[in-house]
């Protein structure tokens, strides 16, 4: 759709813009009437961790949220990043398509980050923290903004004074950006939409209004809270940002997970389930026009409300704290990856996690546990015992085919265990949903979010859930959903247009393992989760621990340290003949060796890494290995020449000739 051509002027391209602000970055996209992106820009957000010696407290107002423990943002830096994205995206679109007419602007955001600012000056006041069920639909947990607002009121003098003088404005990140985009202290509006308001711990889920008894409980004046609005209507107009956006109506407004529900291919009927894999993972089950209050650790929330007079739709939601953030953590904290983009490549080097289980409870466990005392664990790590000759042989075979050695944990196993952790947590949430929704049958799971680019994770998710996973091929669904809501709010699109199929293509991942194997792996995961509870006590000073340091009565007597097993000198080390010298659970390796054989008796993890027509006569296998034998043995095992000879003899036995 294009604009009218005026005499002597070029034709304008009508577009709808949307801004998506998450926990790690903010971005702006411009879409034409056919939902084609015509311009975009993304900016990273600065985060600091004051508990680790770095703080933004010197800045004029910061946003904190609880990731175990503190992380902080500067609200002004966020707003500056949003403006940069809007300006740059519009310039890119104009450079590619010519003059634009921006018809509307939509907003979507990460829903729990909280801000407090001064009603008169419009400046942030202080650190804002982002760390009962039948009315609000939420469990009692400091994850939700009401607890953060209360903390700020009680701990920050500037906030307390502003509240007393009725000069404080509370809100989540969306409210702050809406206020700034519409003029700030010069007439900026103070609103929040129903999907964000439902996270405050203060909104009556059935009436979509602030619940005054809860506001009094938290000592929060209703006058300091934003007005609650629908997801598609004109709220105000952009003021004082940049020429292409000046005067543009802001007409779409909803939380990030809900925004994705408006995108073609992601919309759902009652009983359908969608999961967004971003920094965390958020699963939503459409429950229709009636809220379902969870008895199994989930959140009852708003699905969306597409206009002031439109019906309110509800959902059950399960929040998982760590999804894509786990890949960032592996990269930045452990150095196991060069970046999240390497996850697929590294984790695909091994066929499974080799018994390693990772529970990334860095800030406790969210749904369905809501346990602040849990901490992350990695279980099942093993190391190679170099005294066993067959393992040395298998390590050299590993070098030949670039796979991990049998029995030894490598970085690929840990990366793969992180992927599996995300999938197992999603199964926990889905099972809780089915219990709350009277065992509703789920035939497939629709997914979106940046972390879904990991193909291996999508396949493992299908395996763990035993249902197909449907992924849209264009994955910026949250920002597109905000644009759709904005267009709907001004009549650029009708609801009929909104809900037709625009031909978005998808990729489907089918389960590839039997249900019994999926259940067995899931039970092992649940055993790992059981070991995470109350581990927060370990980080406390001894005087503050609630768990006694000594063993309770009746506990088994601790074993005395075991003497190390003496290592034999190289000349006395046994040689591993086939079937001997290896654990009973590890079968001997038998390789087919005729020309062009595909090694039918080799383990699957060896077969999948071999070329289809790999000549496997012993001399052809041993020759390239022998060329690296001494270098490899010396490097990995600090072996003597005698040891190298033993390895060579062992290889003759592991890979017998005719």
Foldseek 3Di string as FASTA:
>chain_A
DWADDDVPRDTAFEWEKEWEEEDFKIKMFIAGLLRDTQFMDMDTFDKDDVVVPDDPQVDQAWWWEALPHTMIGHLVRRLVRRLVGVVRRLVSNCVVPNHYQHAAYFYAYAQQTKFKAFLQPLTTHGYFYQSVPPFLQDHDASNFRLVRLLCCCVPPPRSVVRQVVVGMAIDHSQQSNQQVQQPRNHPRAGAAEQQSVSRRVAAGQLVSHGDVVVCVVSVHDPSNYHHYFFAFAFPHAGPDRDVSRGRHTHGGHHYQVLLLCLDFPNPDDQQEKAWEFAQWIKMKGWNFLDWQRAPQQWGKGWSGALHRPGGTTIITMFIFNGGLVVQVCCCPVVVLDVGSVCLQVLLVLEPALLQKAKAQQCQHGHPRPSARQFHIDIDDAFADDVLQLVQVLQCLVCVVLVHDTHGHGDSSSVSRNSLLNSLLVVLRVVVSVCVSVVNRDHQEYEYAYDSVVNVVSQQSNQQLNQHKYKYFPDHPSSRSSRSLSHCCNVVVDDVVRSPDRSPTDIDIHHHDDDPVVSVVVSVSNVVVRVVRGNNSLVVDPPVPHPDDPDDDPPDDDDDDDDDDDDRDPLVPRDFDAQPPSDDPVDHAAEADAAFQDQGPRGDPSSSVSDPNRDHRAPCVVVVVSVVCQVVVCCVPPVDDPSNSVSSSVNSCRSYPHD
